[in-house]
Amino acid sequence: MVPAAAVSAISVAAKIAGKSLTVFLDKGEVTVRETVVPERPSGFALLELVAAGICNTDLELQRGYYNFQGTPGHEFVARVVVCDNPLLQGRRVVGEINLACGECDFCRQSLGRHCRNRSVLGILGHPGAFSQFFTLPEANLRVVPDSVTDEEAVFVEPLAAACEILDQIPLAPGTKVAVLGDGKLGLLITQVLLAHKLSVTLYGRHESKLALARNAGATIGSDPPSSAYSCVVECTGSAHGLSSAIQMTRPRGTVVMKSTIHDKVALDMAPVIVNEISLVGSRCGRFEPALALLANRQVQVKPMIAAEFPLSEAAQAFKLAATRGVLKVLLRS
């Protein structure tokens, strides 16, 4: 009988020497190709995809954002195939998407997400997670608690982006906050703010999505009021959303900008200046708060899953994900 450790080593060797089914974007077209398993640099882990989510940024990349060509995907849960750190071997992980150099002035100030030389998983300079096998630095990986399912773990990255708002802006419990946009990120932001005892009003257009927020405890807004909120989070994904958010914000209030938009945004800056409104760009966040929210059952993400597809059907998955009103579409390895 072959020892279990030997069988495991043989299995790992077979995976490394094998092929990887990989999604490609090129000029708006989604294709799936068979590629070789990528080589693993020192300090990196070779990851085998379990599940990944298609987000609005992936759809914007398909439309031409960053003139992207390659493999997208940055919301994922995967299993470590091989790495340098034995504590990570075989573990189920999620991963922060910014690959920092660790040497520039921003990195020395613990601002690796803004590293001057960074690459970004599935967005800029590093192939993404829509592949059976891909790599990421071990320093970027976070082990998923056993109490968090694969489907829930896929949401860690966007949930961390929602949590980033609370790292950027001091918001006392009870503060009235408006969230503008009832898409995937808007629903996550709403739940995160509610979990931190804020008074949240969500403005959107889709009753089925608004029902999810209502069930979580949010108030549902109808006609956006003028100068009503000290903080408005804009996540409509629309070029017109920022103007609406500014109109809703009180003098000396704050607009948090979450939308990733390929189009240029025309903006009347007069009300921003006259009302002394702060515009805060907000992107990625720390994974630890997001994992804690999921493990403690403080947010519910499974109702947001619209459909699942195998990687081989990525084109159909992208088509559905781009359909108005559809929430999260997952890809499975």
Protein backbone atom coordinates (compact mmCIF):
# COMPACT_ATOMS: atom_id res chain seq x y z
CA MET A 1 0.00 0.00 0.00
CA VAL A 2 1.30 3.47 -0.95
CA PRO A 3 1.52 5.81 2.08
CA ALA A 4 -1.01 8.67 2.12
CA ALA A 5 1.78 11.26 2.06
CA ALA A 6 3.22 9.68 -1.06
CA VAL A 7 -0.18 9.64 -2.74
CA SER A 8 -0.58 13.32 -1.89
CA ALA A 9 2.85 14.13 -3.32
CA ILE A 10 2.02 12.24 -6.51
CA SER A 11 -1.28 14.12 -6.80
CA VAL A 12 0.44 17.48 -6.39
CA ALA A 13 3.09 16.57 -8.96
CA ALA A 14 0.39 15.55 -11.44
CA LYS A 15 -1.42 18.87 -11.00
CA ILE A 16 1.77 20.90 -11.48
CA ALA A 17 2.60 19.00 -14.65
CA GLY A 18 -0.96 19.17 -15.99
CA LYS A 19 -3.15 21.63 -17.86
CA SER A 20 -5.30 24.49 -16.62
CA LEU A 21 -8.65 25.59 -18.05
CA THR A 22 -8.37 29.38 -18.28
CA VAL A 23 -10.73 32.24 -19.16
CA PHE A 24 -9.50 35.01 -21.48
CA LEU A 25 -10.88 38.42 -22.34
CA ASP A 26 -9.83 40.02 -25.61
CA LYS A 27 -11.65 42.95 -27.25
CA GLY A 28 -14.84 42.14 -25.42
CA GLU A 29 -14.87 38.45 -26.31
CA VAL A 30 -14.85 35.79 -23.57
CA THR A 31 -13.11 32.53 -24.46
CA VAL A 32 -11.84 29.52 -22.54
CA ARG A 33 -8.47 27.96 -23.35
CA GLU A 34 -6.36 25.09 -22.11
CA THR A 35 -3.06 26.40 -20.76
CA VAL A 36 -0.13 24.97 -18.85
CA VAL A 37 -0.19 25.25 -15.06
CA PRO A 38 1.71 28.47 -14.20
CA GLU A 39 5.13 28.29 -12.61
CA ARG A 40 5.25 29.23 -8.93
CA PRO A 41 7.88 31.84 -8.00
CA SER A 42 9.47 31.67 -4.57
CA GLY A 43 7.19 33.21 -1.96
CA PHE A 44 4.11 32.51 -4.06
CA ALA A 45 1.50 29.79 -3.68
CA LEU A 46 0.07 27.72 -6.52
CA LEU A 47 -3.68 27.80 -6.04
CA GLU A 48 -6.42 25.53 -7.37
CA LEU A 49 -9.67 27.42 -7.86
CA VAL A 50 -12.74 26.30 -5.94
CA ALA A 51 -15.12 29.11 -6.90
CA ALA A 52 -14.94 32.69 -8.14
CA GLY A 53 -17.37 35.56 -8.61
CA ILE A 54 -17.91 37.81 -11.61
CA CYS A 55 -18.08 41.41 -10.43
CA ASN A 56 -18.79 44.76 -12.09
CA THR A 57 -15.06 45.41 -12.53
CA ASP A 58 -14.76 42.21 -14.60
CA LEU A 59 -17.65 43.42 -16.76
CA GLU A 60 -15.97 46.82 -17.16
CA LEU A 61 -12.76 45.06 -18.21
CA GLN A 62 -14.79 43.24 -20.85
CA ARG A 63 -16.08 46.64 -22.05
CA GLY A 64 -12.54 48.01 -22.37
CA TYR A 65 -11.49 49.29 -18.94
CA TYR A 66 -7.65 49.49 -18.76
CA ASN A 67 -7.61 48.19 -22.37
CA PHE A 68 -7.58 44.83 -20.63
CA GLN A 69 -6.49 41.66 -22.39
CA GLY A 70 -5.91 38.46 -20.43
CA THR A 71 -7.41 36.46 -17.57
CA PRO A 72 -9.68 38.41 -15.20
CA GLY A 73 -11.05 37.42 -11.80
CA HIS A 74 -10.20 38.61 -8.29
CA GLU A 75 -13.09 37.38 -6.09
CA PHE A 76 -12.23 33.78 -5.26
CA VAL A 77 -11.79 30.96 -2.83
CA ALA A 78 -9.10 28.40 -3.67
CA ARG A 79 -7.08 25.57 -2.19
CA VAL A 80 -3.30 25.78 -1.83
CA VAL A 81 -1.62 23.14 -3.99
CA VAL A 82 1.99 23.94 -3.16
CA CYS A 83 3.74 26.76 -1.30
CA ASP A 84 6.76 27.54 0.86
CA ASN A 85 4.81 27.90 4.12
CA PRO A 86 3.77 24.45 5.42
CA LEU A 87 0.97 26.05 7.48
CA LEU A 88 -0.79 27.02 4.25
CA GLN A 89 -0.35 23.72 2.43
CA GLY A 90 -3.72 22.28 1.43
CA ARG A 91 -5.67 25.06 3.15
CA ARG A 92 -8.72 26.82 1.78
CA VAL A 93 -7.83 30.47 1.22
CA VAL A 94 -8.93 33.82 -0.15
CA GLY A 95 -6.44 36.43 -1.27
CA GLU A 96 -5.91 40.19 -1.26
CA ILE A 97 -5.60 41.32 -4.84
CA ASN A 98 -2.77 43.90 -4.77
CA LEU A 99 0.74 42.52 -5.30
CA ALA A 100 3.06 45.09 -3.69
CA CYS A 101 6.81 45.46 -4.23
CA GLY A 102 7.45 45.98 -0.49
CA GLU A 103 10.20 48.51 -1.21
CA CYS A 104 8.70 51.79 -2.47
CA ASP A 105 7.80 54.75 -0.24
CA PHE A 106 4.14 53.74 -0.10
CA CYS A 107 5.00 50.18 0.91
CA ARG A 108 7.27 51.51 3.65
CA GLN A 109 4.26 53.44 4.98
CA SER A 110 2.12 50.25 5.04
CA LEU A 111 0.24 51.41 1.94
CA GLY A 112 0.93 48.33 -0.15
CA ARG A 113 -2.50 48.60 -1.80
CA HIS A 114 -1.17 51.81 -3.36
CA CYS A 115 2.32 50.50 -4.15
CA ARG A 116 3.90 52.44 -7.00
CA ASN A 117 4.99 49.19 -8.63
CA ARG A 118 1.99 47.04 -7.81
CA SER A 119 0.23 44.59 -10.02
CA VAL A 120 -3.39 43.66 -9.36
CA LEU A 121 -4.82 40.16 -9.61
CA GLY A 122 -6.93 39.84 -12.73
CA ILE A 123 -6.84 43.58 -13.43
CA LEU A 124 -3.31 44.86 -13.94
CA GLY A 125 -0.19 42.85 -14.71
CA HIS A 126 -1.05 39.56 -12.99
CA PRO A 127 -3.30 36.81 -14.42
CA GLY A 128 -6.54 36.47 -12.52
CA ALA A 129 -8.49 33.79 -10.70
CA PHE A 130 -10.74 32.67 -13.56
CA SER A 131 -8.45 29.71 -14.11
CA GLN A 132 -8.18 26.22 -12.64
CA PHE A 133 -4.68 27.08 -11.42
CA PHE A 134 -3.14 30.49 -10.68
CA THR A 135 -0.56 32.05 -8.36
CA LEU A 136 -0.58 34.70 -5.66
CA PRO A 137 1.99 35.72 -3.02
CA GLU A 138 1.63 33.80 0.22
CA ALA A 139 1.60 37.14 2.07
CA ASN A 140 -1.70 37.95 0.32
CA LEU A 141 -3.48 34.79 1.47
CA ARG A 142 -5.94 34.49 4.34
CA VAL A 143 -7.18 31.11 5.60
CA VAL A 144 -10.96 30.70 5.44
CA PRO A 145 -12.58 29.58 8.73
CA ASP A 146 -14.31 26.20 8.56
CA SER A 147 -17.62 27.85 9.45
CA VAL A 148 -17.56 29.89 6.22
CA THR A 149 -18.77 28.01 3.13
CA ASP A 150 -17.12 28.21 -0.30
CA GLU A 151 -20.01 30.27 -1.64
CA GLU A 152 -19.72 32.74 1.22
CA ALA A 153 -15.92 32.97 0.95
CA VAL A 154 -16.22 34.20 -2.65
CA PHE A 155 -17.68 37.42 -1.22
CA VAL A 156 -14.71 38.22 1.06
CA GLU A 157 -13.00 40.58 -1.40
CA PRO A 158 -16.02 42.81 -2.13
CA LEU A 159 -17.09 42.59 1.51
CA ALA A 160 -13.63 43.85 2.49
CA ALA A 161 -14.13 46.75 0.07
CA ALA A 162 -17.36 47.53 1.90
CA CYS A 163 -15.57 47.40 5.27
CA GLU A 164 -12.94 49.84 3.96
CA ILE A 165 -15.46 52.67 4.33
CA LEU A 166 -15.33 52.29 8.12
CA ASP A 167 -11.51 52.36 8.07
CA GLN A 168 -11.58 55.62 6.10
CA ILE A 169 -14.37 57.57 7.76
CA PRO A 170 -15.29 57.75 11.48
CA LEU A 171 -19.03 57.01 11.62
CA ALA A 172 -20.62 56.86 15.05
CA PRO A 173 -23.42 54.33 15.75
CA GLY A 174 -26.77 55.78 14.75
CA THR A 175 -25.34 58.01 12.02
CA LYS A 176 -27.72 58.31 9.07
CA VAL A 177 -26.03 57.10 5.89
CA ALA A 178 -27.44 56.80 2.38
CA VAL A 179 -26.28 54.07 0.01
CA LEU A 180 -26.96 54.93 -3.61
CA GLY A 181 -27.22 51.83 -5.81
CA ASP A 182 -28.76 48.42 -5.11
CA GLY A 183 -26.27 46.27 -6.96
CA LYS A 184 -23.99 43.64 -5.43
CA LEU A 185 -21.64 46.09 -3.74
CA GLY A 186 -24.47 48.34 -2.59
CA LEU A 187 -26.17 45.42 -0.85
CA LEU A 188 -22.92 44.38 0.84
CA ILE A 189 -22.17 47.94 1.96
CA THR A 190 -25.69 48.22 3.37
CA GLN A 191 -25.22 45.07 5.45
CA VAL A 192 -21.78 46.09 6.69
CA LEU A 193 -23.02 49.50 7.82
CA LEU A 194 -26.05 47.93 9.51
CA ALA A 195 -23.77 45.45 11.31
CA HIS A 196 -21.94 48.47 12.76
CA LYS A 197 -25.20 49.99 14.08
CA LEU A 198 -25.56 52.76 11.50
CA SER A 199 -28.94 53.95 10.23
CA VAL A 200 -28.92 53.04 6.54
CA THR A 201 -31.26 54.10 3.74
CA LEU A 202 -30.74 52.33 0.42
CA TYR A 203 -31.80 53.92 -2.85
CA GLY A 204 -32.26 51.63 -5.84
CA ARG A 205 -34.54 50.56 -8.66
CA HIS A 206 -35.00 46.81 -8.34
CA GLU A 207 -37.63 45.57 -5.92
CA SER A 208 -36.12 42.09 -5.58
CA LYS A 209 -32.79 43.58 -4.53
CA LEU A 210 -34.35 46.18 -2.28
CA ALA A 211 -36.23 43.37 -0.53
CA LEU A 212 -32.88 41.82 0.48
CA ALA A 213 -31.81 45.10 2.06
CA ARG A 214 -35.18 45.58 3.74
CA ASN A 215 -34.94 42.12 5.27
CA ALA A 216 -31.49 43.03 6.61
CA GLY A 217 -32.94 46.06 8.40
CA ALA A 218 -32.35 48.92 5.96
CA THR A 219 -34.82 51.67 5.18
CA ILE A 220 -35.69 51.87 1.48
CA GLY A 221 -35.65 55.35 -0.02
CA SER A 222 -37.80 56.59 -2.88
CA ASP A 223 -37.09 60.15 -4.10
CA PRO A 224 -33.52 61.11 -3.11
CA PRO A 225 -33.70 64.24 -0.92
CA SER A 226 -31.40 67.24 -1.18
CA SER A 227 -28.73 67.91 1.46
CA ALA A 228 -30.10 65.23 3.79
CA TYR A 229 -27.15 63.01 4.72
CA SER A 230 -23.77 63.64 6.29
CA CYS A 231 -22.46 60.58 4.41
CA VAL A 232 -23.56 59.16 1.06
CA VAL A 233 -21.97 56.06 -0.45
CA GLU A 234 -22.14 56.07 -4.25
CA CYS A 235 -22.04 52.62 -5.83
CA THR A 236 -24.47 52.86 -8.75
CA GLY A 237 -21.90 51.96 -11.40
CA SER A 238 -23.38 54.86 -13.37
CA ALA A 239 -21.71 57.98 -14.70
CA HIS A 240 -24.61 59.99 -13.26
CA GLY A 241 -24.51 58.48 -9.78
CA LEU A 242 -21.86 60.83 -8.38
CA SER A 243 -23.89 63.94 -9.21
CA SER A 244 -26.89 62.45 -7.42
CA ALA A 245 -24.78 61.56 -4.38
CA ILE A 246 -23.41 65.11 -4.14
CA GLN A 247 -26.93 66.53 -4.33
CA MET A 248 -28.00 64.32 -1.40
CA THR A 249 -25.06 65.32 0.84
CA ARG A 250 -25.25 67.98 3.54
CA PRO A 251 -22.72 70.86 3.68
CA ARG A 252 -19.39 69.57 4.97
CA GLY A 253 -20.60 66.02 4.45
CA THR A 254 -18.78 63.19 2.71
CA VAL A 255 -19.41 61.28 -0.50
CA VAL A 256 -17.72 57.88 -0.64
CA MET A 257 -17.04 56.93 -4.26
CA LYS A 258 -17.17 53.18 -4.94
CA SER A 259 -18.15 52.95 -8.63
CA THR A 260 -15.63 51.64 -11.14
CA ILE A 261 -16.72 53.19 -14.45
CA HIS A 262 -15.10 52.88 -17.87
CA ASP A 263 -16.82 56.07 -19.13
CA LYS A 264 -15.60 59.55 -18.29
CA VAL A 265 -17.70 61.34 -15.68
CA ALA A 266 -18.83 64.93 -16.31
CA LEU A 267 -19.22 66.68 -12.98
CA ASP A 268 -20.34 70.14 -11.88
CA MET A 269 -17.88 70.94 -9.10
CA ALA A 270 -19.66 74.09 -7.91
CA PRO A 271 -21.84 72.36 -5.25
CA VAL A 272 -18.82 70.40 -4.01
CA ILE A 273 -16.87 73.60 -3.45
CA VAL A 274 -19.75 75.78 -2.21
CA ASN A 275 -21.00 73.13 0.24
CA GLU A 276 -17.46 72.05 1.21
CA ILE A 277 -18.22 68.42 0.47
CA SER A 278 -15.44 65.85 0.80
CA LEU A 279 -15.12 63.31 -2.01
CA VAL A 280 -13.43 60.12 -0.78
CA GLY A 281 -12.26 57.48 -3.21
CA SER A 282 -12.63 54.00 -1.73
CA ARG A 283 -11.33 50.75 -3.17
CA CYS A 284 -9.95 47.62 -1.52
CA GLY A 285 -10.09 46.80 2.18
CA ARG A 286 -8.60 44.50 4.80
CA PHE A 287 -9.85 40.91 4.64
CA GLU A 288 -9.89 40.25 8.38
CA PRO A 289 -13.06 42.27 9.16
CA ALA A 290 -14.86 40.69 6.21
CA LEU A 291 -14.00 37.14 7.31
CA ALA A 292 -15.14 37.97 10.85
CA LEU A 293 -18.51 39.28 9.62
CA LEU A 294 -19.08 36.07 7.66
CA ALA A 295 -17.91 33.76 10.44
CA ASN A 296 -20.12 35.56 12.98
CA ARG A 297 -23.15 35.47 10.66
CA GLN A 298 -23.48 39.27 10.73
CA VAL A 299 -24.03 39.47 6.98
CA GLN A 300 -25.95 37.17 4.63
CA VAL A 301 -24.52 36.74 1.15
CA LYS A 302 -25.98 33.49 -0.20
CA PRO A 303 -29.29 35.15 -1.23
CA MET A 304 -27.21 37.29 -3.60
CA ILE A 305 -26.05 34.31 -5.70
CA ALA A 306 -27.99 34.25 -8.97
CA ALA A 307 -26.35 31.29 -10.74
CA GLU A 308 -23.25 29.08 -10.97
CA PHE A 309 -21.40 27.96 -14.11
CA PRO A 310 -18.34 25.78 -14.75
CA LEU A 311 -15.28 27.60 -16.09
CA SER A 312 -15.92 25.99 -19.47
CA GLU A 313 -19.14 28.03 -19.73
CA ALA A 314 -17.58 31.38 -18.82
CA ALA A 315 -18.99 33.14 -21.89
CA GLN A 316 -22.55 32.27 -20.83
CA ALA A 317 -21.74 33.26 -17.25
CA PHE A 318 -20.48 36.71 -18.33
CA LYS A 319 -23.57 37.21 -20.47
CA LEU A 320 -25.87 36.48 -17.54
CA ALA A 321 -23.79 38.59 -15.13
CA ALA A 322 -24.15 41.57 -17.49
CA THR A 323 -27.94 41.24 -17.55
CA ARG A 324 -29.74 44.07 -15.77
CA GLY A 325 -30.97 43.08 -12.33
CA VAL A 326 -28.80 39.95 -11.98
CA LEU A 327 -26.71 39.72 -8.82
CA LYS A 328 -23.67 37.47 -8.26
CA VAL A 329 -22.75 34.85 -10.85
CA LEU A 330 -20.17 32.27 -9.77
CA LEU A 331 -17.66 30.24 -11.77
CA ARG A 332 -16.65 26.80 -10.51
CA SER A 333 -13.43 24.97 -11.31
